[in-house]
Amino acid sequence: MIAWRTVRLRPFHERDLPLLRAWFDDPELMRFWGMTSTPVVDQRFADDLTGRFSRFDHAGYFAIDLIDGTTIGRVDFERLSTETRSAEVMILIGDRTARGKGYGTDAMVALLRYLFHTRNLHRVSLTVLAWNVRAIRSYEKTGFTVEGRLRDDLFFDGGYHDQIAMSILRHEFDARWSTDESAALDTGGEARVTLG
């Protein structure tokens, strides 16, 4: 488990499938991920649980739980490179009642702490739809910097959409967020982030 303030990140379990399916069946929610069809199907999810969801070498997929155990979303990293010490991240707050309360920021900080301090990365990047102003504000609050605009990068809903490319470097993250261990509980170290 990886934790920061109001949230706990944990590996996915089979019991998460109905909730994930409900989120990914929500067309409005999927627009924010630039998707028009659900990526969650029973067999694929079962395969992921014993496959990519159980390994944390080049990618990691986490459920976001509140302290009371309520699951509100997911946060992921992919394309982790030990050569360039970099990775890409993404986040989805699926629970509509949990949006706008800072949980997404806390989840991203928790994941970045893990990537920078446990995995020893130097740079973390993401892309976000240019019209997703709330997400961009949250990423800027976390410390991400806008690097540029990917014009007509995605096609869905009958049109092209720009994305904004953003990144954060380890020293920028450390300058913004306390590294005081008393401020966060990180029980996730690389060896403990498993599906056991």
N, C-alpha and C. Protein backbone atom coordinates (compact mmCIF):
# COMPACT_ATOMS: atom_id res chain seq x y z
N MET A 1 0.84 -1.19 0.00
CA MET A 1 0.00 0.00 0.00
C MET A 1 0.88 1.25 0.00
N ILE A 2 0.44 2.24 -0.75
CA ILE A 2 1.10 3.54 -0.79
C ILE A 2 0.08 4.56 -0.31
N ALA A 3 0.45 5.43 0.59
CA ALA A 3 -0.52 6.35 1.16
C ALA A 3 0.01 7.77 1.22
N TRP A 4 -0.94 8.71 1.16
CA TRP A 4 -0.62 10.12 1.36
C TRP A 4 -1.90 10.83 1.81
N ARG A 5 -1.86 11.42 2.96
CA ARG A 5 -2.95 12.22 3.50
C ARG A 5 -4.29 11.48 3.45
N THR A 6 -5.15 11.79 2.50
CA THR A 6 -6.53 11.28 2.52
C THR A 6 -6.73 9.99 1.75
N VAL A 7 -5.68 9.48 1.06
CA VAL A 7 -5.89 8.34 0.17
C VAL A 7 -4.88 7.23 0.40
N ARG A 8 -5.25 6.05 -0.04
CA ARG A 8 -4.39 4.87 -0.02
C ARG A 8 -4.43 4.25 -1.40
N LEU A 9 -3.28 3.93 -1.96
CA LEU A 9 -3.21 3.27 -3.26
C LEU A 9 -2.92 1.80 -3.02
N ARG A 10 -3.67 0.93 -3.70
CA ARG A 10 -3.48 -0.50 -3.53
C ARG A 10 -3.63 -1.20 -4.87
N PRO A 11 -3.09 -2.40 -5.00
CA PRO A 11 -3.28 -3.16 -6.24
C PRO A 11 -4.75 -3.52 -6.42
N PHE A 12 -5.15 -3.78 -7.65
CA PHE A 12 -6.52 -4.17 -7.95
C PHE A 12 -6.78 -5.60 -7.53
N HIS A 13 -8.06 -5.85 -7.19
CA HIS A 13 -8.53 -7.19 -6.84
C HIS A 13 -9.72 -7.53 -7.72
N GLU A 14 -10.07 -8.79 -7.74
CA GLU A 14 -11.19 -9.25 -8.55
C GLU A 14 -12.49 -8.54 -8.16
N ARG A 15 -12.64 -8.21 -6.89
CA ARG A 15 -13.87 -7.55 -6.43
C ARG A 15 -14.03 -6.14 -7.00
N ASP A 16 -12.96 -5.58 -7.60
CA ASP A 16 -13.02 -4.24 -8.17
C ASP A 16 -13.67 -4.20 -9.55
N LEU A 17 -13.84 -5.36 -10.19
CA LEU A 17 -14.32 -5.39 -11.57
C LEU A 17 -15.68 -4.70 -11.75
N PRO A 18 -16.71 -4.95 -10.93
CA PRO A 18 -17.98 -4.27 -11.16
C PRO A 18 -17.88 -2.75 -11.10
N LEU A 19 -17.08 -2.24 -10.16
CA LEU A 19 -16.92 -0.79 -10.04
C LEU A 19 -16.18 -0.22 -11.25
N LEU A 20 -15.10 -0.88 -11.66
CA LEU A 20 -14.37 -0.44 -12.84
C LEU A 20 -15.27 -0.45 -14.07
N ARG A 21 -16.05 -1.50 -14.21
CA ARG A 21 -16.94 -1.59 -15.36
C ARG A 21 -17.94 -0.44 -15.35
N ALA A 22 -18.50 -0.13 -14.19
CA ALA A 22 -19.47 0.96 -14.09
C ALA A 22 -18.83 2.28 -14.52
N TRP A 23 -17.61 2.55 -14.07
CA TRP A 23 -16.93 3.79 -14.46
C TRP A 23 -16.67 3.83 -15.95
N PHE A 24 -16.18 2.73 -16.49
CA PHE A 24 -15.81 2.72 -17.91
C PHE A 24 -17.01 2.58 -18.83
N ASP A 25 -18.18 2.29 -18.28
CA ASP A 25 -19.41 2.30 -19.07
C ASP A 25 -20.07 3.67 -19.07
N ASP A 26 -19.50 4.63 -18.37
CA ASP A 26 -20.03 5.98 -18.27
C ASP A 26 -19.45 6.82 -19.42
N PRO A 27 -20.25 7.14 -20.46
CA PRO A 27 -19.72 7.85 -21.64
C PRO A 27 -19.10 9.20 -21.29
N GLU A 28 -19.72 9.93 -20.35
CA GLU A 28 -19.18 11.24 -19.99
C GLU A 28 -17.80 11.11 -19.35
N LEU A 29 -17.67 10.13 -18.48
CA LEU A 29 -16.39 9.90 -17.82
C LEU A 29 -15.32 9.48 -18.82
N MET A 30 -15.71 8.64 -19.79
CA MET A 30 -14.75 8.16 -20.78
C MET A 30 -14.27 9.26 -21.72
N ARG A 31 -15.08 10.30 -21.90
CA ARG A 31 -14.63 11.43 -22.73
C ARG A 31 -13.37 12.06 -22.15
N PHE A 32 -13.27 12.09 -20.81
CA PHE A 32 -12.10 12.69 -20.19
C PHE A 32 -10.84 11.85 -20.39
N TRP A 33 -11.04 10.57 -20.71
CA TRP A 33 -9.90 9.70 -21.03
C TRP A 33 -9.71 9.56 -22.54
N GLY A 34 -10.55 10.27 -23.31
CA GLY A 34 -10.44 10.22 -24.76
C GLY A 34 -10.80 8.86 -25.32
N MET A 35 -11.76 8.18 -24.68
CA MET A 35 -12.15 6.84 -25.12
C MET A 35 -13.64 6.82 -25.42
N THR A 36 -14.01 5.99 -26.39
CA THR A 36 -15.41 5.85 -26.73
C THR A 36 -15.95 4.46 -26.46
N SER A 37 -15.08 3.54 -26.06
CA SER A 37 -15.54 2.19 -25.73
C SER A 37 -14.84 1.73 -24.45
N THR A 38 -15.49 0.85 -23.71
CA THR A 38 -14.94 0.41 -22.44
C THR A 38 -13.77 -0.56 -22.64
N PRO A 39 -12.67 -0.36 -21.91
CA PRO A 39 -11.56 -1.30 -21.98
C PRO A 39 -11.67 -2.42 -20.94
N VAL A 40 -12.76 -2.42 -20.16
CA VAL A 40 -12.89 -3.38 -19.07
C VAL A 40 -13.87 -4.49 -19.47
N VAL A 41 -13.35 -5.66 -19.71
CA VAL A 41 -14.18 -6.84 -19.96
C VAL A 41 -13.70 -7.94 -19.04
N ASP A 42 -14.59 -8.88 -18.71
CA ASP A 42 -14.29 -9.89 -17.69
C ASP A 42 -12.98 -10.63 -17.94
N GLN A 43 -12.83 -11.22 -19.12
CA GLN A 43 -11.65 -12.04 -19.37
C GLN A 43 -10.37 -11.20 -19.37
N ARG A 44 -10.44 -10.02 -19.97
CA ARG A 44 -9.26 -9.16 -20.00
C ARG A 44 -8.85 -8.76 -18.58
N PHE A 45 -9.85 -8.42 -17.75
CA PHE A 45 -9.54 -8.03 -16.39
C PHE A 45 -8.94 -9.20 -15.61
N ALA A 46 -9.50 -10.39 -15.79
CA ALA A 46 -8.95 -11.58 -15.12
C ALA A 46 -7.51 -11.82 -15.55
N ASP A 47 -7.25 -11.66 -16.84
CA ASP A 47 -5.88 -11.82 -17.35
C ASP A 47 -4.95 -10.76 -16.78
N ASP A 48 -5.47 -9.51 -16.67
CA ASP A 48 -4.66 -8.42 -16.13
C ASP A 48 -4.30 -8.67 -14.66
N LEU A 49 -5.24 -9.23 -13.89
CA LEU A 49 -4.99 -9.47 -12.46
C LEU A 49 -3.78 -10.37 -12.25
N THR A 50 -3.63 -11.37 -13.09
CA THR A 50 -2.49 -12.29 -12.96
C THR A 50 -1.34 -11.89 -13.86
N GLY A 51 -1.56 -10.87 -14.67
CA GLY A 51 -0.53 -10.41 -15.59
C GLY A 51 0.00 -9.04 -15.20
N ARG A 52 -0.35 -8.05 -16.02
CA ARG A 52 0.26 -6.73 -15.85
C ARG A 52 -0.11 -6.05 -14.54
N PHE A 53 -1.29 -6.35 -13.95
CA PHE A 53 -1.66 -5.72 -12.68
C PHE A 53 -0.87 -6.28 -11.51
N SER A 54 -0.22 -7.43 -11.69
CA SER A 54 0.52 -8.05 -10.59
C SER A 54 2.01 -7.76 -10.65
N ARG A 55 2.46 -7.10 -11.72
CA ARG A 55 3.88 -6.76 -11.86
C ARG A 55 4.03 -5.24 -11.80
N PHE A 56 5.10 -4.79 -11.24
CA PHE A 56 5.32 -3.36 -11.10
C PHE A 56 6.69 -2.97 -11.65
N ASP A 57 7.11 -3.67 -12.72
CA ASP A 57 8.41 -3.38 -13.29
C ASP A 57 8.37 -2.15 -14.19
N HIS A 58 7.60 -2.20 -15.26
CA HIS A 58 7.52 -1.08 -16.19
C HIS A 58 6.19 -0.35 -16.14
N ALA A 59 5.25 -0.86 -15.36
CA ALA A 59 3.93 -0.24 -15.23
C ALA A 59 3.33 -0.64 -13.90
N GLY A 60 2.41 0.17 -13.40
CA GLY A 60 1.71 -0.14 -12.16
C GLY A 60 0.32 0.46 -12.19
N TYR A 61 -0.64 -0.32 -11.71
CA TYR A 61 -2.05 0.08 -11.76
C TYR A 61 -2.62 -0.04 -10.36
N PHE A 62 -3.15 1.08 -9.84
CA PHE A 62 -3.59 1.13 -8.45
C PHE A 62 -5.02 1.61 -8.32
N ALA A 63 -5.77 1.00 -7.43
CA ALA A 63 -7.06 1.55 -7.00
C ALA A 63 -6.78 2.64 -5.99
N ILE A 64 -7.60 3.69 -6.02
CA ILE A 64 -7.50 4.78 -5.05
C ILE A 64 -8.60 4.57 -4.01
N ASP A 65 -8.21 4.35 -2.77
CA ASP A 65 -9.16 4.20 -1.66
C ASP A 65 -9.04 5.39 -0.73
N LEU A 66 -10.18 5.82 -0.20
CA LEU A 66 -10.16 6.78 0.90
C LEU A 66 -9.78 6.02 2.17
N ILE A 67 -9.52 6.75 3.24
CA ILE A 67 -9.11 6.13 4.49
C ILE A 67 -10.18 5.16 5.01
N ASP A 68 -11.47 5.45 4.72
CA ASP A 68 -12.53 4.56 5.19
C ASP A 68 -12.71 3.33 4.30
N GLY A 69 -11.88 3.19 3.25
CA GLY A 69 -11.94 2.03 2.39
C GLY A 69 -12.76 2.20 1.13
N THR A 70 -13.45 3.34 0.97
CA THR A 70 -14.23 3.60 -0.24
C THR A 70 -13.30 3.75 -1.44
N THR A 71 -13.56 3.01 -2.50
CA THR A 71 -12.75 3.10 -3.72
C THR A 71 -13.34 4.17 -4.61
N ILE A 72 -12.52 5.16 -4.99
CA ILE A 72 -13.03 6.31 -5.74
C ILE A 72 -12.42 6.45 -7.13
N GLY A 73 -11.36 5.70 -7.44
CA GLY A 73 -10.74 5.87 -8.74
C GLY A 73 -9.55 4.97 -8.93
N ARG A 74 -8.75 5.31 -9.93
CA ARG A 74 -7.52 4.57 -10.21
C ARG A 74 -6.44 5.54 -10.64
N VAL A 75 -5.19 5.16 -10.38
CA VAL A 75 -4.04 5.94 -10.81
C VAL A 75 -2.98 4.95 -11.29
N ASP A 76 -2.35 5.26 -12.40
CA ASP A 76 -1.45 4.31 -13.06
C ASP A 76 -0.15 4.98 -13.45
N PHE A 77 0.88 4.15 -13.59
CA PHE A 77 2.08 4.59 -14.30
C PHE A 77 2.39 3.55 -15.36
N GLU A 78 2.96 4.02 -16.47
CA GLU A 78 3.34 3.14 -17.57
C GLU A 78 4.66 3.62 -18.15
N ARG A 79 5.24 2.77 -18.99
CA ARG A 79 6.47 3.10 -19.73
C ARG A 79 7.60 3.54 -18.80
N LEU A 80 7.71 2.89 -17.65
CA LEU A 80 8.82 3.21 -16.76
C LEU A 80 10.12 2.74 -17.38
N SER A 81 11.07 3.66 -17.50
CA SER A 81 12.37 3.35 -18.08
C SER A 81 13.45 3.55 -17.02
N THR A 82 14.21 2.50 -16.74
CA THR A 82 15.31 2.64 -15.79
C THR A 82 16.49 3.35 -16.44
N GLU A 83 16.55 3.37 -17.77
CA GLU A 83 17.64 4.06 -18.47
C GLU A 83 17.48 5.56 -18.40
N THR A 84 16.28 6.05 -18.74
CA THR A 84 16.04 7.50 -18.69
C THR A 84 15.48 7.95 -17.35
N ARG A 85 15.15 6.96 -16.47
CA ARG A 85 14.56 7.23 -15.17
C ARG A 85 13.31 8.09 -15.31
N SER A 86 12.40 7.61 -16.16
CA SER A 86 11.18 8.35 -16.45
C SER A 86 10.00 7.40 -16.54
N ALA A 87 8.80 7.97 -16.44
CA ALA A 87 7.56 7.21 -16.59
C ALA A 87 6.44 8.17 -16.95
N GLU A 88 5.32 7.60 -17.42
CA GLU A 88 4.11 8.37 -17.70
C GLU A 88 3.03 7.98 -16.69
N VAL A 89 2.20 8.93 -16.31
CA VAL A 89 1.14 8.66 -15.34
C VAL A 89 -0.22 9.08 -15.87
N MET A 90 -1.26 8.51 -15.27
CA MET A 90 -2.64 8.90 -15.59
C MET A 90 -3.50 8.64 -14.36
N ILE A 91 -4.62 9.33 -14.29
CA ILE A 91 -5.50 9.19 -13.13
C ILE A 91 -6.95 9.33 -13.57
N LEU A 92 -7.82 8.63 -12.87
CA LEU A 92 -9.26 8.70 -13.13
C LEU A 92 -9.98 8.68 -11.79
N ILE A 93 -10.75 9.73 -11.50
CA ILE A 93 -11.62 9.73 -10.33
C ILE A 93 -13.00 9.34 -10.85
N GLY A 94 -13.38 8.09 -10.63
CA GLY A 94 -14.62 7.56 -11.17
C GLY A 94 -15.83 7.92 -10.35
N ASP A 95 -15.67 8.08 -9.05
CA ASP A 95 -16.77 8.41 -8.15
C ASP A 95 -17.07 9.91 -8.26
N ARG A 96 -18.22 10.24 -8.82
CA ARG A 96 -18.57 11.65 -9.06
C ARG A 96 -18.59 12.46 -7.76
N THR A 97 -18.98 11.83 -6.65
CA THR A 97 -19.08 12.56 -5.39
C THR A 97 -17.70 12.87 -4.79
N ALA A 98 -16.66 12.24 -5.33
CA ALA A 98 -15.31 12.44 -4.80
C ALA A 98 -14.52 13.49 -5.57
N ARG A 99 -15.10 14.03 -6.63
CA ARG A 99 -14.38 15.00 -7.46
C ARG A 99 -14.38 16.38 -6.81
N GLY A 100 -13.30 17.11 -7.05
CA GLY A 100 -13.21 18.48 -6.56
C GLY A 100 -12.91 18.59 -5.08
N LYS A 101 -12.46 17.50 -4.45
CA LYS A 101 -12.18 17.51 -3.01
C LYS A 101 -10.71 17.31 -2.68
N GLY A 102 -9.86 17.31 -3.70
CA GLY A 102 -8.43 17.17 -3.47
C GLY A 102 -7.92 15.74 -3.43
N TYR A 103 -8.82 14.76 -3.59
CA TYR A 103 -8.39 13.37 -3.53
C TYR A 103 -7.49 13.01 -4.71
N GLY A 104 -7.78 13.57 -5.88
CA GLY A 104 -6.96 13.30 -7.05
C GLY A 104 -5.54 13.83 -6.86
N THR A 105 -5.43 15.02 -6.30
CA THR A 105 -4.11 15.58 -6.02
C THR A 105 -3.35 14.70 -5.03
N ASP A 106 -4.03 14.28 -3.96
CA ASP A 106 -3.38 13.42 -2.97
C ASP A 106 -2.94 12.10 -3.59
N ALA A 107 -3.77 11.53 -4.46
CA ALA A 107 -3.42 10.26 -5.12
C ALA A 107 -2.21 10.44 -6.02
N MET A 108 -2.16 11.56 -6.74
CA MET A 108 -1.03 11.80 -7.63
C MET A 108 0.25 12.03 -6.82
N VAL A 109 0.14 12.76 -5.72
CA VAL A 109 1.32 12.97 -4.87
C VAL A 109 1.81 11.63 -4.31
N ALA A 110 0.90 10.77 -3.89
CA ALA A 110 1.28 9.45 -3.38
C ALA A 110 2.03 8.66 -4.44
N LEU A 111 1.51 8.66 -5.67
CA LEU A 111 2.17 7.92 -6.74
C LEU A 111 3.52 8.52 -7.08
N LEU A 112 3.61 9.85 -7.14
CA LEU A 112 4.89 10.50 -7.45
C LEU A 112 5.93 10.24 -6.36
N ARG A 113 5.50 10.24 -5.09
CA ARG A 113 6.44 9.90 -4.01
C ARG A 113 7.04 8.52 -4.25
N TYR A 114 6.18 7.58 -4.62
CA TYR A 114 6.64 6.22 -4.89
C TYR A 114 7.61 6.20 -6.09
N LEU A 115 7.24 6.89 -7.16
CA LEU A 115 8.08 6.86 -8.37
C LEU A 115 9.41 7.58 -8.16
N PHE A 116 9.39 8.72 -7.48
CA PHE A 116 10.63 9.47 -7.28
C PHE A 116 11.50 8.88 -6.17
N HIS A 117 10.89 8.48 -5.07
CA HIS A 117 11.69 8.08 -3.90
C HIS A 117 11.94 6.59 -3.79
N THR A 118 11.03 5.77 -4.29
CA THR A 118 11.24 4.32 -4.23
C THR A 118 11.83 3.79 -5.52
N ARG A 119 11.34 4.30 -6.65
CA ARG A 119 11.82 3.83 -7.95
C ARG A 119 12.95 4.70 -8.51
N ASN A 120 13.28 5.79 -7.81
CA ASN A 120 14.40 6.66 -8.15
C ASN A 120 14.29 7.27 -9.55
N LEU A 121 13.08 7.71 -9.92
CA LEU A 121 12.92 8.35 -11.22
C LEU A 121 13.36 9.80 -11.16
N HIS A 122 13.63 10.36 -12.34
CA HIS A 122 14.03 11.76 -12.48
C HIS A 122 12.89 12.60 -13.06
N ARG A 123 12.09 11.99 -13.95
CA ARG A 123 11.06 12.74 -14.68
C ARG A 123 9.79 11.91 -14.82
N VAL A 124 8.64 12.57 -14.60
CA VAL A 124 7.34 11.92 -14.80
C VAL A 124 6.50 12.84 -15.68
N SER A 125 5.83 12.26 -16.67
CA SER A 125 5.06 13.06 -17.62
C SER A 125 3.64 12.55 -17.73
N LEU A 126 2.80 13.36 -18.37
CA LEU A 126 1.41 12.97 -18.64
C LEU A 126 0.90 13.80 -19.80
N THR A 127 -0.24 13.38 -20.35
CA THR A 127 -0.98 14.19 -21.31
C THR A 127 -2.41 14.31 -20.80
N VAL A 128 -3.03 15.44 -21.13
CA VAL A 128 -4.39 15.71 -20.67
C VAL A 128 -5.11 16.46 -21.79
N LEU A 129 -6.38 16.15 -21.99
CA LEU A 129 -7.16 16.85 -23.00
C LEU A 129 -7.17 18.34 -22.70
N ALA A 130 -6.96 19.16 -23.72
CA ALA A 130 -6.77 20.60 -23.53
C ALA A 130 -7.99 21.26 -22.90
N TRP A 131 -9.18 20.69 -23.09
CA TRP A 131 -10.38 21.30 -22.52
C TRP A 131 -10.70 20.80 -21.11
N ASN A 132 -9.88 19.91 -20.57
CA ASN A 132 -10.11 19.38 -19.22
C ASN A 132 -9.44 20.32 -18.20
N VAL A 133 -10.04 21.47 -18.01
CA VAL A 133 -9.45 22.53 -17.19
C VAL A 133 -9.26 22.09 -15.74
N ARG A 134 -10.23 21.36 -15.20
CA ARG A 134 -10.13 20.93 -13.80
C ARG A 134 -8.90 20.04 -13.60
N ALA A 135 -8.68 19.11 -14.51
CA ALA A 135 -7.52 18.22 -14.39
C ALA A 135 -6.22 19.00 -14.53
N ILE A 136 -6.17 19.92 -15.47
CA ILE A 136 -4.95 20.72 -15.67
C ILE A 136 -4.62 21.49 -14.40
N ARG A 137 -5.65 22.07 -13.79
CA ARG A 137 -5.42 22.81 -12.52
C ARG A 137 -4.88 21.89 -11.44
N SER A 138 -5.43 20.67 -11.36
CA SER A 138 -4.97 19.72 -10.35
C SER A 138 -3.51 19.34 -10.60
N TYR A 139 -3.15 19.11 -11.86
CA TYR A 139 -1.77 18.75 -12.18
C TYR A 139 -0.82 19.90 -11.87
N GLU A 140 -1.24 21.13 -12.17
CA GLU A 140 -0.41 22.29 -11.84
C GLU A 140 -0.25 22.43 -10.33
N LYS A 141 -1.32 22.16 -9.59
CA LYS A 141 -1.24 22.20 -8.12
C LYS A 141 -0.23 21.18 -7.61
N THR A 142 -0.17 20.03 -8.27
CA THR A 142 0.78 18.99 -7.88
C THR A 142 2.21 19.40 -8.21
N GLY A 143 2.38 20.26 -9.23
CA GLY A 143 3.70 20.72 -9.61
C GLY A 143 4.08 20.45 -11.05
N PHE A 144 3.18 19.88 -11.82
CA PHE A 144 3.47 19.64 -13.23
C PHE A 144 3.56 20.96 -13.99
N THR A 145 4.43 20.99 -14.99
CA THR A 145 4.64 22.15 -15.85
C THR A 145 4.19 21.81 -17.26
N VAL A 146 3.51 22.76 -17.91
CA VAL A 146 3.09 22.57 -19.30
C VAL A 146 4.32 22.62 -20.20
N GLU A 147 4.45 21.59 -21.04
CA GLU A 147 5.57 21.53 -21.99
C GLU A 147 5.15 21.89 -23.41
N GLY A 148 3.88 21.67 -23.72
CA GLY A 148 3.44 21.99 -25.08
C GLY A 148 2.06 21.44 -25.36
N ARG A 149 1.62 21.65 -26.59
CA ARG A 149 0.30 21.21 -27.04
C ARG A 149 0.47 20.23 -28.19
N LEU A 150 -0.20 19.08 -28.06
CA LEU A 150 -0.23 18.08 -29.13
C LEU A 150 -1.51 18.32 -29.92
N ARG A 151 -1.37 18.93 -31.07
CA ARG A 151 -2.53 19.36 -31.84
C ARG A 151 -3.23 18.18 -32.51
N ASP A 152 -4.57 18.18 -32.43
CA ASP A 152 -5.39 17.12 -33.05
C ASP A 152 -4.83 15.74 -32.73
N ASP A 153 -4.50 15.52 -31.48
CA ASP A 153 -3.80 14.29 -31.08
C ASP A 153 -4.74 13.10 -30.93
N LEU A 154 -5.99 13.34 -30.55
CA LEU A 154 -6.96 12.26 -30.37
C LEU A 154 -8.18 12.52 -31.24
N PHE A 155 -8.79 11.44 -31.73
CA PHE A 155 -10.02 11.56 -32.49
C PHE A 155 -11.11 10.75 -31.80
N PHE A 156 -12.16 11.41 -31.35
CA PHE A 156 -13.33 10.75 -30.79
C PHE A 156 -14.49 11.74 -30.82
N ASP A 157 -15.70 11.25 -30.64
CA ASP A 157 -16.91 12.07 -30.70
C ASP A 157 -17.00 12.85 -32.01
N GLY A 158 -16.47 12.27 -33.07
CA GLY A 158 -16.58 12.90 -34.39
C GLY A 158 -15.64 14.05 -34.65
N GLY A 159 -14.62 14.24 -33.79
CA GLY A 159 -13.70 15.35 -34.01
C GLY A 159 -12.35 15.12 -33.39
N TYR A 160 -11.40 15.96 -33.78
CA TYR A 160 -10.05 15.91 -33.24
C TYR A 160 -9.95 16.78 -31.98
N HIS A 161 -9.09 16.36 -31.07
CA HIS A 161 -8.92 17.06 -29.80
C HIS A 161 -7.43 17.23 -29.51
N ASP A 162 -7.06 18.43 -29.06
CA ASP A 162 -5.69 18.70 -28.64
C ASP A 162 -5.45 18.10 -27.26
N GLN A 163 -4.21 17.75 -27.00
CA GLN A 163 -3.79 17.37 -25.65
C GLN A 163 -2.66 18.30 -25.20
N ILE A 164 -2.58 18.49 -23.90
CA ILE A 164 -1.51 19.26 -23.30
C ILE A 164 -0.51 18.28 -22.70
N ALA A 165 0.76 18.46 -23.03
CA ALA A 165 1.83 17.63 -22.47
C ALA A 165 2.40 18.35 -21.25
N MET A 166 2.53 17.61 -20.14
CA MET A 166 3.02 18.19 -18.89
C MET A 166 4.05 17.24 -18.27
N SER A 167 4.93 17.79 -17.43
CA SER A 167 5.90 16.94 -16.74
C SER A 167 6.28 17.58 -15.41
N ILE A 168 6.90 16.74 -14.58
CA ILE A 168 7.46 17.20 -13.31
C ILE A 168 8.77 16.46 -13.08
N LEU A 169 9.77 17.18 -12.60
CA LEU A 169 11.06 16.59 -12.28
C LEU A 169 11.16 16.36 -10.78
N ARG A 170 12.02 15.44 -10.39
CA ARG A 170 12.10 15.08 -8.98
C ARG A 170 12.41 16.28 -8.08
N HIS A 171 13.36 17.13 -8.47
CA HIS A 171 13.71 18.25 -7.59
C HIS A 171 12.55 19.25 -7.48
N GLU A 172 11.71 19.34 -8.53
CA GLU A 172 10.53 20.20 -8.47
C GLU A 172 9.50 19.63 -7.51
N PHE A 173 9.33 18.32 -7.57
CA PHE A 173 8.40 17.66 -6.66
C PHE A 173 8.86 17.82 -5.21
N ASP A 174 10.14 17.58 -4.96
CA ASP A 174 10.66 17.66 -3.60
C ASP A 174 10.58 19.08 -3.04
N ALA A 175 10.73 20.09 -3.90
CA ALA A 175 10.64 21.47 -3.45
C ALA A 175 9.20 21.83 -3.05
N ARG A 176 8.23 21.17 -3.65
CA ARG A 176 6.82 21.50 -3.40
C ARG A 176 6.22 20.68 -2.27
N TRP A 177 6.63 19.41 -2.15
CA TRP A 177 6.00 18.49 -1.21
C TRP A 177 6.99 18.03 -0.17
N SER A 178 6.57 18.05 1.08
CA SER A 178 7.43 17.64 2.18
C SER A 178 7.88 16.20 2.00
N THR A 179 9.14 15.95 2.28
CA THR A 179 9.64 14.57 2.27
C THR A 179 9.69 14.03 3.68
N ASP A 180 9.12 14.77 4.61
CA ASP A 180 9.06 14.34 6.01
C ASP A 180 8.23 13.06 6.10
N GLU A 181 8.83 11.99 6.54
CA GLU A 181 8.14 10.70 6.59
C GLU A 181 6.94 10.71 7.54
N SER A 182 6.93 11.65 8.50
CA SER A 182 5.78 11.70 9.40
C SER A 182 4.54 12.26 8.70
N ALA A 183 4.74 12.91 7.55
CA ALA A 183 3.61 13.48 6.82
C ALA A 183 2.93 12.46 5.92
N ALA A 184 3.56 11.32 5.72
CA ALA A 184 2.98 10.32 4.82
C ALA A 184 3.35 8.93 5.27
N LEU A 185 2.48 8.02 4.97
CA LEU A 185 2.72 6.62 5.27
C LEU A 185 2.98 5.92 3.95
N ASP A 186 4.20 5.46 3.72
CA ASP A 186 4.53 4.77 2.48
C ASP A 186 4.94 3.36 2.85
N THR A 187 3.99 2.45 2.77
CA THR A 187 4.31 1.06 3.07
C THR A 187 4.45 0.29 1.78
N GLY A 188 4.57 1.03 0.68
CA GLY A 188 4.52 0.39 -0.62
C GLY A 188 5.83 -0.04 -1.16
N GLY A 189 6.95 0.28 -0.67
CA GLY A 189 8.18 0.00 -1.33
C GLY A 189 8.07 -1.03 -2.42
N GLU A 190 8.98 -1.06 -3.30
CA GLU A 190 8.89 -1.91 -4.49
C GLU A 190 8.60 -3.35 -4.13
N ALA A 191 9.16 -3.85 -3.05
CA ALA A 191 8.99 -5.26 -2.71
C ALA A 191 7.60 -5.57 -2.17
N ARG A 192 6.90 -4.54 -1.66
CA ARG A 192 5.62 -4.82 -1.01
C ARG A 192 4.42 -4.55 -1.90
N VAL A 193 4.62 -3.95 -3.04
CA VAL A 193 3.48 -3.64 -3.90
C VAL A 193 3.17 -4.90 -4.72
N THR A 194 2.38 -5.78 -4.13
CA THR A 194 2.01 -7.03 -4.78
C THR A 194 0.52 -7.29 -4.59
N LEU A 195 0.04 -8.30 -5.25
CA LEU A 195 -1.38 -8.63 -5.13
C LEU A 195 -1.65 -9.61 -4.01
N GLY A 196 -0.68 -9.90 -3.17
CA GLY A 196 -0.83 -10.90 -2.13
C GLY A 196 -1.86 -10.62 -1.11
